[in-house]
């Protein structure tokens, strides 16, 4: 057992620094993806509530497609397709080939998947807000911006936060799929370590513990955020 623990040392003697590097990249990828996915999901939810039939149809098709596709397939399509698209545009003005960042590809792919699901959560939260409250705010002379800021947004956050919290936990787990495009996240680094040490059970168990730690820490933060959003509510 001491020999296995020694494999987690830092430096040339162990593999702890490689696992830490992969874990750090996993966290950075998830944190970078979250605002992109939430913003796109919010825009999709607004589009689906629009009075324009074409906009509603386009948003529904987008959500249906990316909710139905396997996440792994979405990652591959975005990684390959986005690279081809960008290079087609670049070649119009230059002969050089431009290589798309794997981190950006992963962020876009996971963000699109996250947006497809978060749009449902946000749409449900918007529907849960009584229309009379918006009408009352407008009748009191509040502008559309202040109505959204002080009436709609606080209730939107309260209604949507539990569902969005679950999506954050799913996003943390889905980052493991990014290893398929050779981005050195936690799972890919673990696979490299397993190949070098021939200790799959030990290192996969360590990786499981790291992901569980991320999930538990996230649950604590999300629990605090929900208590803050529900402050002042009658129990």
Protein backbone atom coordinates (compact mmCIF):
# COMPACT_ATOMS: atom_id res chain seq x y z
CA UNK A 1 0.00 0.00 0.00
CA UNK A 2 2.87 2.36 0.79
CA UNK A 3 4.19 1.83 -2.73
CA UNK A 4 0.82 2.86 -4.18
CA UNK A 5 0.67 5.96 -2.00
CA UNK A 6 4.19 6.79 -3.14
CA UNK A 7 2.93 6.90 -6.73
CA UNK A 8 0.93 10.00 -5.77
CA UNK A 9 4.10 11.94 -4.92
CA UNK A 10 4.97 15.10 -6.83
CA UNK A 11 7.89 15.31 -9.18
CA UNK A 12 9.72 12.52 -10.97
CA UNK A 13 9.00 10.04 -8.19
CA UNK A 14 5.21 10.11 -8.58
CA UNK A 15 2.21 11.16 -10.60
CA UNK A 16 0.46 13.52 -8.22
CA UNK A 17 1.35 16.63 -10.20
CA UNK A 18 -0.08 15.13 -13.42
CA UNK A 19 -3.38 14.34 -11.71
CA UNK A 20 -3.46 17.82 -10.16
CA UNK A 21 -2.84 19.41 -13.55
CA UNK A 22 -5.69 17.40 -15.06
CA UNK A 23 -8.02 18.28 -12.18
CA UNK A 24 -7.20 21.98 -12.55
CA UNK A 25 -7.93 21.87 -16.27
CA UNK A 26 -11.23 20.10 -15.58
CA UNK A 27 -12.29 22.85 -13.18
CA UNK A 28 -11.21 25.61 -15.57
CA UNK A 29 -13.12 24.00 -18.43
CA UNK A 30 -16.30 23.64 -16.38
CA UNK A 31 -16.10 27.19 -15.01
CA UNK A 32 -15.43 28.63 -18.49
CA UNK A 33 -18.29 26.63 -20.00
CA UNK A 34 -20.91 27.57 -17.40
CA UNK A 35 -21.43 31.28 -18.26
CA UNK A 36 -21.40 30.52 -21.98
CA UNK A 37 -23.99 27.77 -21.57
CA UNK A 38 -26.17 29.85 -19.25
CA UNK A 39 -26.13 32.88 -21.55
CA UNK A 40 -26.97 30.79 -24.61
CA UNK A 41 -29.65 28.91 -22.66
CA UNK A 42 -31.17 32.21 -21.51
CA UNK A 43 -31.25 33.47 -25.10
CA UNK A 44 -32.87 30.22 -26.24
CA UNK A 45 -35.50 30.49 -23.50
CA UNK A 46 -36.33 34.06 -24.54
CA UNK A 47 -36.48 32.99 -28.20
CA UNK A 48 -38.94 30.21 -27.34
CA UNK A 49 -41.17 32.77 -25.61
CA UNK A 50 -40.96 35.13 -28.57
CA UNK A 51 -43.94 36.21 -30.64
CA UNK A 52 -41.98 35.44 -33.82
CA UNK A 53 -42.88 31.93 -35.08
CA UNK A 54 -39.61 31.59 -37.02
CA UNK A 55 -37.55 32.41 -33.92
CA UNK A 56 -39.56 29.98 -31.79
CA UNK A 57 -39.16 27.23 -34.39
CA UNK A 58 -35.40 27.77 -34.75
CA UNK A 59 -34.88 27.69 -30.97
CA UNK A 60 -36.99 24.55 -30.61
CA UNK A 61 -35.05 22.78 -33.36
CA UNK A 62 -31.73 23.75 -31.76
CA UNK A 63 -32.81 22.48 -28.35
CA UNK A 64 -34.32 19.28 -29.73
CA UNK A 65 -31.23 18.42 -31.77
CA UNK A 66 -28.63 18.97 -29.07
CA UNK A 67 -30.73 17.42 -26.33
CA UNK A 68 -31.15 14.33 -28.48
CA UNK A 69 -27.56 13.87 -29.65
CA UNK A 70 -25.10 11.99 -27.42
CA UNK A 71 -22.71 14.44 -25.79
CA UNK A 72 -19.70 12.57 -27.14
CA UNK A 73 -20.99 12.91 -30.70
CA UNK A 74 -21.66 16.63 -30.18
CA UNK A 75 -18.08 17.13 -29.00
CA UNK A 76 -16.67 15.39 -32.07
CA UNK A 77 -18.94 17.29 -34.46
CA UNK A 78 -18.07 20.67 -32.94
CA UNK A 79 -14.34 19.88 -32.74
CA UNK A 80 -14.09 18.71 -36.35
CA UNK A 81 -16.78 20.89 -37.92
CA UNK A 82 -15.79 24.14 -36.23
CA UNK A 83 -12.18 23.62 -37.24
CA UNK A 84 -13.19 23.03 -40.86
CA UNK A 85 -15.48 26.06 -40.88
CA UNK A 86 -12.88 28.42 -39.42
CA UNK A 87 -10.20 27.25 -41.85
CA UNK A 88 -12.56 27.68 -44.80
CA UNK A 89 -13.04 31.30 -43.75
CA UNK A 90 -9.34 31.84 -43.04
CA UNK A 91 -8.32 30.50 -46.45
CA UNK A 92 -10.35 33.25 -48.10
CA UNK A 93 -7.72 35.74 -46.97
CA UNK A 94 -4.69 33.56 -46.18
CA UNK A 95 -3.05 30.29 -47.21
CA UNK A 96 -2.03 29.41 -43.66
CA UNK A 97 -3.99 26.82 -41.68
CA UNK A 98 -5.40 27.92 -38.36
CA UNK A 99 -5.59 25.32 -35.58
CA UNK A 100 -8.57 25.58 -33.28
CA UNK A 101 -7.86 25.33 -29.55
CA UNK A 102 -9.03 22.05 -28.05
CA UNK A 103 -10.03 23.90 -24.90
CA UNK A 104 -12.25 26.28 -26.87
CA UNK A 105 -13.75 23.39 -28.86
CA UNK A 106 -14.58 21.55 -25.67
CA UNK A 107 -16.02 24.67 -24.07
CA UNK A 108 -18.26 25.38 -27.08
CA UNK A 109 -19.46 21.77 -27.36
CA UNK A 110 -20.24 21.38 -23.66
CA UNK A 111 -21.73 24.89 -23.59
CA UNK A 112 -24.15 24.04 -26.40
CA UNK A 113 -25.27 20.87 -24.62
CA UNK A 114 -25.61 22.74 -21.33
CA UNK A 115 -27.56 25.53 -23.05
CA UNK A 116 -30.03 23.06 -24.55
CA UNK A 117 -30.93 21.71 -21.12
CA UNK A 118 -30.65 24.98 -19.19
CA UNK A 119 -33.07 26.64 -21.62
CA UNK A 120 -35.74 24.23 -20.41
CA UNK A 121 -35.01 25.11 -16.78
CA UNK A 122 -35.01 28.85 -17.46
CA UNK A 123 -38.17 28.62 -19.57
CA UNK A 124 -39.95 26.80 -16.76
CA UNK A 125 -38.76 29.41 -14.26
CA UNK A 126 -40.04 32.23 -16.46
CA UNK A 127 -43.43 30.54 -16.73
CA UNK A 128 -43.58 30.21 -12.93
CA UNK A 129 -43.48 34.00 -12.50
CA UNK A 130 -47.06 35.37 -12.41
CA UNK A 131 -47.72 37.67 -15.35
CA UNK A 132 -49.65 39.97 -13.04
CA UNK A 133 -46.46 40.98 -11.24
CA UNK A 134 -44.91 42.22 -14.47
CA UNK A 135 -48.10 44.06 -15.38
CA UNK A 136 -48.25 45.64 -11.93
CA UNK A 137 -44.64 46.83 -12.20
CA UNK A 138 -45.29 48.33 -15.61
CA UNK A 139 -48.47 50.05 -14.38
CA UNK A 140 -46.42 51.69 -11.60
CA UNK A 141 -44.22 53.32 -14.22
CA UNK A 142 -41.22 50.96 -14.03
CA UNK A 143 -39.32 50.65 -17.30
CA UNK A 144 -38.92 47.30 -19.01
CA UNK A 145 -35.28 47.13 -17.83
CA UNK A 146 -36.10 47.82 -14.16
CA UNK A 147 -39.03 45.41 -14.29
CA UNK A 148 -36.66 42.66 -15.41
CA UNK A 149 -34.00 43.68 -12.90
CA UNK A 150 -36.12 44.01 -9.76
CA UNK A 151 -39.20 41.89 -10.43
CA UNK A 152 -38.40 39.12 -12.91
CA UNK A 153 -34.71 38.36 -12.29
CA UNK A 154 -34.86 37.68 -8.50
CA UNK A 155 -37.75 35.25 -8.98
CA UNK A 156 -36.12 33.72 -12.04
CA UNK A 157 -32.99 32.94 -10.03
CA UNK A 158 -35.01 31.43 -7.17
CA UNK A 159 -37.05 29.17 -9.44
CA UNK A 160 -34.21 28.15 -11.76
CA UNK A 161 -31.37 27.67 -9.27
CA UNK A 162 -32.13 24.06 -8.20
CA UNK A 163 -32.35 22.87 -11.80
CA UNK A 164 -29.29 24.83 -12.89
CA UNK A 165 -27.39 23.42 -9.92
CA UNK A 166 -28.10 19.89 -11.15
CA UNK A 167 -26.92 20.89 -14.62
CA UNK A 168 -23.66 22.21 -13.13
CA UNK A 169 -23.03 18.82 -11.53
CA UNK A 170 -23.75 17.13 -14.86
CA UNK A 171 -21.36 19.55 -16.57
CA UNK A 172 -18.60 18.60 -14.15
CA UNK A 173 -19.02 14.94 -15.09
CA UNK A 174 -19.34 15.63 -18.82
CA UNK A 175 -15.92 17.28 -18.87
CA UNK A 176 -14.52 13.73 -18.73
CA UNK A 177 -15.76 13.24 -22.31
CA UNK A 178 -13.36 15.93 -23.54
CA UNK A 179 -10.51 13.44 -23.25
CA UNK A 180 -11.70 12.06 -26.61
CA UNK A 181 -10.19 15.10 -28.38
CA UNK A 182 -6.90 14.66 -26.48
CA UNK A 183 -7.39 17.54 -24.07
CA UNK A 184 -5.38 16.76 -20.95
CA UNK A 185 -8.23 16.81 -18.45
CA UNK A 186 -8.37 14.68 -15.32
CA UNK A 187 -9.59 11.51 -17.05
CA UNK A 188 -7.02 11.68 -19.86
CA UNK A 189 -4.21 12.26 -17.38
CA UNK A 190 -5.49 9.31 -15.36
CA UNK A 191 -5.45 7.11 -18.46
CA UNK A 192 -1.85 8.16 -19.14
CA UNK A 193 -0.86 7.37 -15.55
CA UNK A 194 -2.61 3.99 -15.67
CA UNK A 195 -0.79 3.12 -18.87
CA UNK A 196 2.55 3.96 -17.28
CA UNK A 197 2.02 2.36 -13.86
CA UNK A 198 -0.30 -0.58 -14.69
CA UNK A 199 -2.36 0.25 -11.59
CA UNK A 200 -5.82 0.93 -13.04
CA UNK A 201 -7.93 0.23 -9.95
CA UNK A 202 -5.91 2.48 -7.67
CA UNK A 203 -5.71 5.50 -9.97
CA UNK A 204 -9.29 5.27 -11.23
CA UNK A 205 -10.37 5.13 -7.59
CA UNK A 206 -8.35 8.28 -6.86
CA UNK A 207 -9.99 9.97 -9.85
CA UNK A 208 -13.42 8.97 -8.55
CA UNK A 209 -12.59 10.57 -5.21
CA UNK A 210 -11.49 13.79 -6.93
CA UNK A 211 -14.76 14.01 -8.88
CA UNK A 212 -16.73 13.27 -5.71
CA UNK A 213 -14.84 16.05 -3.93
CA UNK A 214 -15.77 18.46 -6.73
CA UNK A 215 -19.42 17.38 -6.46
CA UNK A 216 -19.53 17.73 -2.67
CA UNK A 217 -17.88 21.15 -2.75
CA UNK A 218 -20.30 22.24 -5.46
CA UNK A 219 -23.27 20.99 -3.42
CA UNK A 220 -22.18 23.10 -0.46
CA UNK A 221 -21.87 26.21 -2.63
CA UNK A 222 -25.17 25.54 -4.39
CA UNK A 223 -26.93 24.96 -1.07
CA UNK A 224 -25.70 28.35 0.15
CA UNK A 225 -26.81 29.98 -3.09
CA UNK A 226 -30.30 28.48 -2.79
CA UNK A 227 -30.62 29.70 0.82
CA UNK A 228 -29.59 33.16 -0.34
CA UNK A 229 -32.10 33.12 -3.21
CA UNK A 230 -34.90 31.98 -0.88
CA UNK A 231 -34.16 34.49 1.87
CA UNK A 232 -37.28 36.18 3.15
CA UNK A 233 -39.57 33.47 1.81
CA UNK A 234 -42.24 32.07 4.12
CA UNK A 235 -41.66 28.48 5.08
